[in-house]
Amino acid sequence: MNLPDLPPQRPGDAIAAAIAAIEGHIADSDWKAAAAALAAIKPVIESGIAFVRDLPHLNLYSGLALACKMIGRQGDSRNHAARALITDPADLLGHALLPHPELIHVGRQLVHHQQFDVAKRIFDAALSISANEEYAFYADIFDYQKSLKAEAKQVKVSANSGRPTILNIVIWGDAFVAKFLRYTLPSLLAAQNLPALAASGDVTFDIHSTQADIAVLRQSCVVQAAERFATFTYTEIPERSLRFKRSESTPDPDRLCVSGAQYATAIKARHSGADLSFIDCGGLYANGFLRGAKHHLEDGYKAVAVMSPRASGRNVDAFVQDKKDRFAIEVDTAALVAYATGNLNKQLLNSFMRPNGPPVYQDPLAALFKIPAGFIVHSFQPTFPR
């Protein structure tokens, strides 16, 4: 009895079988067998694609990504292309197979996991292939952050007695600089803030800003008054990094600038043995805020959570008017809490009354409570009525 001839295997079936074999070898960490399985189907997946055929070396993951793409497994193709770039940031096939939004996502995830160098090489390679404004933004940001970290690691431990303090401020734009000089820095000049802090150790304002805004800060009489108690250091943020507008794949370009500067200041604090606080450039601080936080650290707390209400609203000038003492604004804690509570945004206040209202993309808030064993922070997402 003669059996009928079986139909020849279709190319798609052969590719699917090879993909399954390669993924199995990768799961078993059998890289030699995985490479051999890919080499076996290379003539099929490179057919008619001169670019792939001419590659001196076919990356295991980008080859796998191409095979997946050829049989319609687009999601798997993107995942493998991402892995190709992580293993070889300059892999041309990986770049060709990974769409722009996914490439941005991979770079941001690498940054999240502190893999700055790999992310930087991916964006540099992408920029060499395509003159893309978003790629240029990330390449600039990584250059900026790399220089900041290198500079921060050169900071030496203070030779003076007392534990030093570094206050980080990241600020740009006329409105923010004006608010910082009108409210924030004067409130830090209150007797139990900068003056008291300087009496127990060196204080440094580590300011990151634009060239133009740094010039304004240097010339300010309020800054000059604060220089009696603290050293001011300035680092220029590249203008090109600040010009990039947010996009769907990069919704927070300003936050990336801020986080890089804050991270660098944290390195400075660690290398110099200093305490560190991030100052809200639009905040209004109570008299004793800095000294009180420092006392907690001296008493053995590893960290102290601090918050300041924003100096905003129509009544803020009237509130601070009788609390000014030349360049300083001296506000006691009780008065500041009462002012902040009495001027809560009505929608924010209503959110406490309607906890199940629809969210309207508000920033999370946190409330801090002192207890005998330390502090409790309760975070919540405001929900405003539409």
Protein backbone atom coordinates (compact mmCIF):
# COMPACT_ATOMS: atom_id res chain seq x y z
CA MET A 1 0.00 0.00 0.00
CA ASN A 2 1.52 3.29 -1.06
CA LEU A 3 0.94 6.37 1.13
CA PRO A 4 0.35 9.67 -0.65
CA ASP A 5 3.24 12.14 -0.66
CA LEU A 6 3.02 14.62 2.23
CA PRO A 7 2.88 18.28 1.21
CA PRO A 8 6.19 20.13 1.62
CA GLN A 9 6.55 22.16 4.82
CA ARG A 10 5.63 25.78 4.30
CA PRO A 11 8.36 28.39 5.09
CA GLY A 12 6.20 29.86 7.85
CA ASP A 13 5.92 26.49 9.55
CA ALA A 14 9.68 25.99 9.36
CA ILE A 15 10.30 29.44 10.83
CA ALA A 16 7.78 28.87 13.64
CA ALA A 17 9.40 25.52 14.50
CA ALA A 18 12.86 27.12 14.49
CA ILE A 19 11.66 29.99 16.72
CA ALA A 20 10.26 27.51 19.24
CA ALA A 21 13.56 25.62 19.22
CA ILE A 22 15.64 28.81 19.64
CA GLU A 23 13.47 30.11 22.49
CA GLY A 24 13.75 26.71 24.18
CA HIS A 25 17.56 26.78 23.90
CA ILE A 26 17.62 30.33 25.31
CA ALA A 27 15.45 29.25 28.25
CA ASP A 28 17.99 26.47 28.89
CA SER A 29 20.91 28.93 28.47
CA ASP A 30 22.21 26.73 25.66
CA TRP A 31 23.54 29.62 23.56
CA LYS A 32 25.52 27.41 21.18
CA ALA A 33 22.44 25.40 20.22
CA ALA A 34 20.38 28.60 19.90
CA ALA A 35 22.94 30.13 17.55
CA ALA A 36 23.04 26.94 15.48
CA ALA A 37 19.24 26.86 15.18
CA LEU A 38 19.22 30.49 14.03
CA ALA A 39 21.98 29.82 11.50
CA ALA A 40 19.87 26.99 10.07
CA ILE A 41 17.01 29.36 9.16
CA LYS A 42 19.17 32.36 8.29
CA PRO A 43 18.91 31.69 4.53
CA VAL A 44 15.11 31.73 4.86
CA ILE A 45 14.72 34.90 6.94
CA GLU A 46 17.34 36.87 5.00
CA SER A 47 15.86 35.93 1.63
CA GLY A 48 15.37 39.08 -0.44
CA ILE A 49 16.70 41.37 2.31
CA ALA A 50 20.16 42.50 1.22
CA PHE A 51 20.62 44.55 4.40
CA VAL A 52 20.33 41.43 6.56
CA ARG A 53 22.31 39.26 4.16
CA ASP A 54 25.22 41.70 4.27
CA LEU A 55 25.43 41.90 8.05
CA PRO A 56 28.83 40.64 9.27
CA HIS A 57 27.14 39.12 12.31
CA LEU A 58 23.50 38.32 13.03
CA ASN A 59 22.63 39.03 16.64
CA LEU A 60 20.74 36.11 18.16
CA TYR A 61 17.89 38.27 19.44
CA SER A 62 17.53 40.52 16.40
CA GLY A 63 17.56 37.45 14.16
CA LEU A 64 14.84 35.97 16.34
CA ALA A 65 12.95 39.29 16.15
CA LEU A 66 13.08 39.22 12.35
CA ALA A 67 11.87 35.60 12.26
CA CYS A 68 8.92 36.49 14.52
CA LYS A 69 8.06 39.49 12.38
CA MET A 70 8.02 37.35 9.23
CA ILE A 71 5.29 35.12 10.63
CA GLY A 72 3.23 37.94 12.15
CA ARG A 73 4.30 37.67 15.78
CA GLN A 74 4.74 41.42 16.12
CA GLY A 75 4.73 41.60 19.91
CA ASP A 76 7.39 38.89 20.22
CA SER A 77 9.38 40.62 17.48
CA ARG A 78 9.47 43.87 19.45
CA ASN A 79 10.44 42.07 22.68
CA HIS A 80 13.32 40.26 21.01
CA ALA A 81 14.46 43.44 19.23
CA ALA A 82 14.57 45.19 22.61
CA ARG A 83 16.73 42.41 24.03
CA ALA A 84 18.98 42.69 20.99
CA LEU A 85 19.64 46.36 21.74
CA ILE A 86 20.26 45.67 25.42
CA THR A 87 22.91 43.09 24.52
CA ASP A 88 24.29 45.19 21.65
CA PRO A 89 23.12 48.84 21.63
CA ALA A 90 24.56 49.39 18.14
CA ASP A 91 22.80 46.42 16.52
CA LEU A 92 21.40 47.83 13.26
CA LEU A 93 18.79 45.14 12.73
CA GLY A 94 17.50 45.58 16.28
CA HIS A 95 17.08 49.31 15.65
CA ALA A 96 15.33 48.65 12.34
CA LEU A 97 12.84 46.26 13.97
CA LEU A 98 12.04 48.25 17.12
CA PRO A 99 9.46 51.04 16.57
CA HIS A 100 10.24 54.49 17.95
CA PRO A 101 7.90 54.42 21.01
CA GLU A 102 9.18 51.00 22.08
CA LEU A 103 12.79 52.14 21.77
CA ILE A 104 12.04 55.12 24.03
CA HIS A 105 10.33 52.79 26.51
CA VAL A 106 13.34 50.45 26.58
CA GLY A 107 15.70 53.36 27.21
CA ARG A 108 13.54 54.71 30.04
CA GLN A 109 13.31 51.26 31.66
CA LEU A 110 17.09 50.94 31.54
CA VAL A 111 17.40 54.29 33.30
CA HIS A 112 14.88 53.12 35.90
CA HIS A 113 17.16 50.16 36.60
CA GLN A 114 20.28 52.37 36.73
CA GLN A 115 21.62 51.09 33.38
CA PHE A 116 22.54 54.59 32.19
CA ASP A 117 25.48 53.57 29.98
CA VAL A 118 23.47 51.00 28.02
CA ALA A 119 20.61 53.48 27.52
CA LYS A 120 23.05 56.17 26.40
CA ARG A 121 24.64 53.86 23.78
CA ILE A 122 21.19 52.86 22.45
CA PHE A 123 20.15 56.49 21.96
CA ASP A 124 23.51 57.45 20.46
CA ALA A 125 23.17 54.63 17.92
CA ALA A 126 19.54 55.55 17.19
CA LEU A 127 20.57 59.17 16.65
CA SER A 128 23.29 58.13 14.20
CA ILE A 129 20.63 56.29 12.17
CA SER A 130 17.87 58.89 12.37
CA ALA A 131 18.16 62.62 13.24
CA ASN A 132 15.26 62.44 15.70
CA GLU A 133 14.65 65.27 18.19
CA GLU A 134 13.52 62.89 20.93
CA TYR A 135 16.62 60.71 20.58
CA ALA A 136 18.76 63.88 20.72
CA PHE A 137 16.99 64.93 23.93
CA TYR A 138 17.86 61.65 25.66
CA ALA A 139 21.43 61.67 24.38
CA ASP A 140 21.86 65.21 25.77
CA ILE A 141 20.26 64.31 29.09
CA PHE A 142 22.58 61.34 29.56
CA ASP A 143 25.64 63.44 28.71
CA TYR A 144 24.48 66.03 31.23
CA GLN A 145 23.86 63.44 33.93
CA LYS A 146 27.17 61.70 33.28
CA SER A 147 29.10 64.96 33.69
CA LEU A 148 27.13 65.75 36.85
CA LYS A 149 27.95 62.40 38.42
CA ALA A 150 31.64 62.67 37.53
CA GLU A 151 31.80 66.13 39.10
CA ALA A 152 29.82 65.04 42.16
CA LYS A 153 32.25 62.21 42.92
CA GLN A 154 35.10 64.72 43.22
CA VAL A 155 33.51 66.46 46.22
CA LYS A 156 35.58 66.11 49.38
CA VAL A 157 34.53 65.74 53.00
CA SER A 158 34.34 69.10 54.77
CA ALA A 159 37.31 69.82 57.03
CA ASN A 160 35.21 72.04 59.32
CA SER A 161 33.59 70.79 62.48
CA GLY A 162 29.94 69.81 62.41
CA ARG A 163 28.07 67.74 59.86
CA PRO A 164 27.55 69.71 56.62
CA THR A 165 24.21 70.21 54.87
CA ILE A 166 23.47 70.41 51.15
CA LEU A 167 20.25 72.00 49.90
CA ASN A 168 19.36 71.04 46.33
CA ILE A 169 17.38 73.42 44.14
CA VAL A 170 16.49 72.78 40.48
CA ILE A 171 14.86 75.84 38.98
CA TRP A 172 14.34 77.58 35.66
CA GLY A 173 11.89 80.09 34.22
CA ASP A 174 11.09 83.67 35.24
CA ALA A 175 8.01 82.79 37.29
CA PHE A 176 9.75 80.11 39.38
CA VAL A 177 12.88 82.19 39.96
CA ALA A 178 10.74 85.16 41.04
CA LYS A 179 8.76 83.01 43.48
CA PHE A 180 11.94 81.46 44.89
CA LEU A 181 13.46 84.88 45.54
CA ARG A 182 10.22 86.40 46.86
CA TYR A 183 9.08 83.64 49.20
CA THR A 184 11.20 80.49 49.41
CA LEU A 185 14.68 81.85 50.06
CA PRO A 186 13.42 84.59 52.43
CA SER A 187 11.58 81.97 54.49
CA LEU A 188 14.80 79.92 54.63
CA LEU A 189 16.56 83.04 55.96
CA ALA A 190 14.39 82.96 59.11
CA ALA A 191 16.49 82.84 62.27
CA GLN A 192 15.96 79.12 62.99
CA ASN A 193 16.58 78.05 59.42
CA LEU A 194 19.79 79.03 57.61
CA PRO A 195 21.39 81.07 60.41
CA ALA A 196 20.83 78.30 62.97
CA LEU A 197 21.90 75.59 60.55
CA ALA A 198 25.12 77.43 59.63
CA ALA A 199 26.07 77.62 63.29
CA SER A 200 26.42 73.82 63.45
CA GLY A 201 28.15 73.07 60.12
CA ASP A 202 28.76 74.13 56.54
CA VAL A 203 25.68 74.76 54.38
CA THR A 204 25.70 74.60 50.56
CA PHE A 205 22.98 75.51 48.10
CA ASP A 206 23.52 73.25 45.08
CA ILE A 207 21.55 75.08 42.39
CA HIS A 208 20.86 73.76 38.88
CA SER A 209 19.43 76.28 36.45
CA THR A 210 19.83 77.94 33.06
CA GLN A 211 22.63 80.36 32.26
CA ALA A 212 20.22 83.32 32.21
CA ASP A 213 18.52 82.38 35.49
CA ILE A 214 21.86 81.77 37.21
CA ALA A 215 22.82 85.37 36.32
CA VAL A 216 19.60 86.62 37.93
CA LEU A 217 20.20 84.58 41.08
CA ARG A 218 23.80 85.76 41.44
CA GLN A 219 22.69 89.40 41.29
CA SER A 220 19.83 89.02 43.76
CA CYS A 221 20.19 90.88 47.06
CA VAL A 222 18.32 88.01 48.77
CA VAL A 223 20.91 85.51 47.55
CA GLN A 224 23.69 87.84 48.64
CA ALA A 225 22.12 87.99 52.10
CA ALA A 226 21.93 84.19 52.20
CA GLU A 227 25.62 83.95 51.22
CA ARG A 228 26.45 85.10 54.77
CA PHE A 229 25.32 81.67 55.94
CA ALA A 230 25.81 79.34 52.97
CA THR A 231 27.91 78.68 49.91
CA PHE A 232 26.08 78.82 46.57
CA THR A 233 27.23 76.54 43.77
CA TYR A 234 25.68 76.71 40.31
CA THR A 235 25.43 74.11 37.55
CA GLU A 236 24.07 75.04 34.14
CA ILE A 237 21.35 72.86 32.63
CA PRO A 238 21.80 72.55 28.83
CA GLU A 239 19.26 74.79 27.10
CA ARG A 240 18.59 72.20 24.40
CA SER A 241 17.42 69.73 27.02
CA LEU A 242 14.84 72.22 28.26
CA ARG A 243 13.51 73.06 24.80
CA PHE A 244 12.15 69.57 24.11
CA LYS A 245 8.37 69.50 24.50
CA ARG A 246 6.63 66.54 26.07
CA SER A 247 5.42 63.74 23.84
CA GLU A 248 3.35 60.61 24.27
CA SER A 249 6.47 58.50 24.79
CA THR A 250 8.23 61.18 26.89
CA PRO A 251 5.53 62.85 29.00
CA ASP A 252 7.98 64.23 31.60
CA PRO A 253 11.10 65.79 29.99
CA ASP A 254 11.36 68.40 32.74
CA ARG A 255 11.23 65.68 35.38
CA LEU A 256 14.19 63.92 33.73
CA CYS A 257 16.21 67.13 33.99
CA VAL A 258 15.25 67.53 37.64
CA SER A 259 15.91 63.91 38.62
CA GLY A 260 19.40 63.95 37.09
CA ALA A 261 20.31 67.06 39.06
CA GLN A 262 18.86 65.65 42.29
CA TYR A 263 20.69 62.36 41.81
CA ALA A 264 23.98 64.19 41.33
CA THR A 265 23.43 66.24 44.49
CA ALA A 266 22.69 63.03 46.40
CA ILE A 267 26.07 61.68 45.25
CA LYS A 268 27.73 64.89 46.46
CA ALA A 269 26.07 64.51 49.85
CA ARG A 270 27.19 60.90 50.14
CA HIS A 271 30.80 61.65 49.19
CA SER A 272 31.04 64.67 51.48
CA GLY A 273 29.23 63.10 54.44
CA ALA A 274 26.53 65.77 54.31
CA ASP A 275 22.85 65.76 55.14
CA LEU A 276 20.64 66.52 52.14
CA SER A 277 17.33 68.23 51.55
CA PHE A 278 15.50 68.94 48.27
CA ILE A 279 14.02 72.42 48.42
CA ASP A 280 10.73 73.22 46.71
CA CYS A 281 11.54 76.35 44.70
CA GLY A 282 7.99 77.61 45.20
CA GLY A 283 7.57 76.58 48.83
CA LEU A 284 7.07 78.67 51.94
CA TYR A 285 8.95 77.26 54.92
CA ALA A 286 8.24 77.70 58.61
CA ASN A 287 10.83 79.24 60.92
CA GLY A 288 12.66 76.30 62.48
CA PHE A 289 12.02 73.88 59.62
CA LEU A 290 15.71 73.37 58.81
CA ARG A 291 16.94 73.35 62.38
CA GLY A 292 14.14 70.99 63.44
CA ALA A 293 14.89 68.52 60.64
CA LYS A 294 18.60 68.66 61.50
CA HIS A 295 17.85 67.93 65.17
CA HIS A 296 15.95 64.79 64.19
CA LEU A 297 18.93 63.57 62.17
CA GLU A 298 21.28 64.34 65.04
CA ASP A 299 18.98 62.36 67.31
CA GLY A 300 19.52 59.27 65.16
CA TYR A 301 16.76 59.33 62.55
CA LYS A 302 17.98 58.02 59.18
CA ALA A 303 15.68 60.34 57.25
CA VAL A 304 13.14 63.07 57.93
CA ALA A 305 10.22 63.62 55.56
CA VAL A 306 9.52 67.32 55.02
CA MET A 307 6.87 69.24 53.11
CA SER A 308 6.10 72.89 52.51
CA PRO A 309 2.92 74.53 51.27
CA ARG A 310 3.25 76.35 47.96
CA ALA A 311 3.50 80.12 48.12
CA SER A 312 0.53 80.68 45.85
CA GLY A 313 -2.89 82.24 45.92
CA ARG A 314 -4.17 85.78 46.14
CA ASN A 315 -3.66 86.05 49.91
CA VAL A 316 -0.01 85.01 50.17
CA ASP A 317 1.43 88.55 50.06
CA ALA A 318 -0.98 89.73 52.73
CA PHE A 319 -0.10 86.70 54.85
CA VAL A 320 3.67 87.34 54.82
CA GLN A 321 3.51 91.14 54.90
CA ASP A 322 3.81 91.50 58.72
CA LYS A 323 6.27 88.60 58.94
CA LYS A 324 9.06 90.19 56.94
CA ASP A 325 12.29 91.19 58.64
CA ARG A 326 14.41 92.85 55.97
CA PHE A 327 15.28 89.92 53.65
CA ALA A 328 13.80 87.20 55.88
CA ILE A 329 10.23 85.97 56.23
CA GLU A 330 9.61 84.47 59.68
CA VAL A 331 6.47 82.32 59.82
CA ASP A 332 5.83 80.02 62.77
CA THR A 333 4.58 76.51 62.07
CA ALA A 334 1.10 76.98 63.54
CA ALA A 335 0.44 80.11 61.45
CA LEU A 336 1.70 78.43 58.28
CA VAL A 337 -0.44 75.32 58.82
CA ALA A 338 -3.48 77.50 59.51
CA TYR A 339 -2.84 79.55 56.37
CA ALA A 340 -2.33 76.46 54.18
CA THR A 341 -5.44 74.77 55.56
CA GLY A 342 -7.57 77.88 55.22
CA ASN A 343 -6.53 78.36 51.62
CA LEU A 344 -6.92 74.82 50.36
CA ASN A 345 -8.17 74.63 46.81
CA LYS A 346 -11.93 74.10 47.01
CA GLN A 347 -11.83 71.16 44.63
CA LEU A 348 -9.08 69.59 46.73
CA LEU A 349 -11.14 70.13 49.86
CA ASN A 350 -14.18 68.58 48.19
CA SER A 351 -12.10 65.53 47.28
CA PHE A 352 -12.05 64.57 50.96
CA MET A 353 -15.84 64.72 50.98
CA ARG A 354 -16.22 62.66 47.79
CA PRO A 355 -13.56 59.93 47.96
CA ASN A 356 -15.14 57.96 45.11
CA GLY A 357 -15.19 60.78 42.58
CA PRO A 358 -13.52 60.30 39.19
CA PRO A 359 -9.76 61.02 39.08
CA VAL A 360 -8.60 64.00 37.03
CA TYR A 361 -4.85 63.28 36.79
CA GLN A 362 -3.81 65.17 39.93
CA ASP A 363 -0.38 64.67 41.48
CA PRO A 364 -0.35 62.39 44.54
CA LEU A 365 -0.29 64.16 47.90
CA ALA A 366 1.17 63.04 51.21
CA ALA A 367 0.29 63.84 54.81
CA LEU A 368 2.94 63.41 57.51
CA PHE A 369 2.15 62.44 61.10
CA LYS A 370 4.58 62.34 64.04
CA ILE A 371 4.26 59.33 66.34
CA PRO A 372 6.42 58.21 69.31
CA ALA A 373 8.28 55.68 67.16
CA GLY A 374 8.95 58.06 64.28
CA PHE A 375 6.77 59.24 61.42
CA ILE A 376 3.88 57.94 59.34
CA VAL A 377 3.32 59.19 55.81
CA HIS A 378 -0.09 58.63 54.22
CA SER A 379 -0.17 59.15 50.46
CA PHE A 380 -3.36 59.58 48.46
CA GLN A 381 -4.53 60.55 45.00
CA PRO A 382 -6.95 63.51 44.97
CA THR A 383 -10.16 62.88 43.07
CA PHE A 384 -11.94 65.96 41.85
CA PRO A 385 -15.55 66.22 40.60
CA ARG A 386 -15.70 66.84 36.90
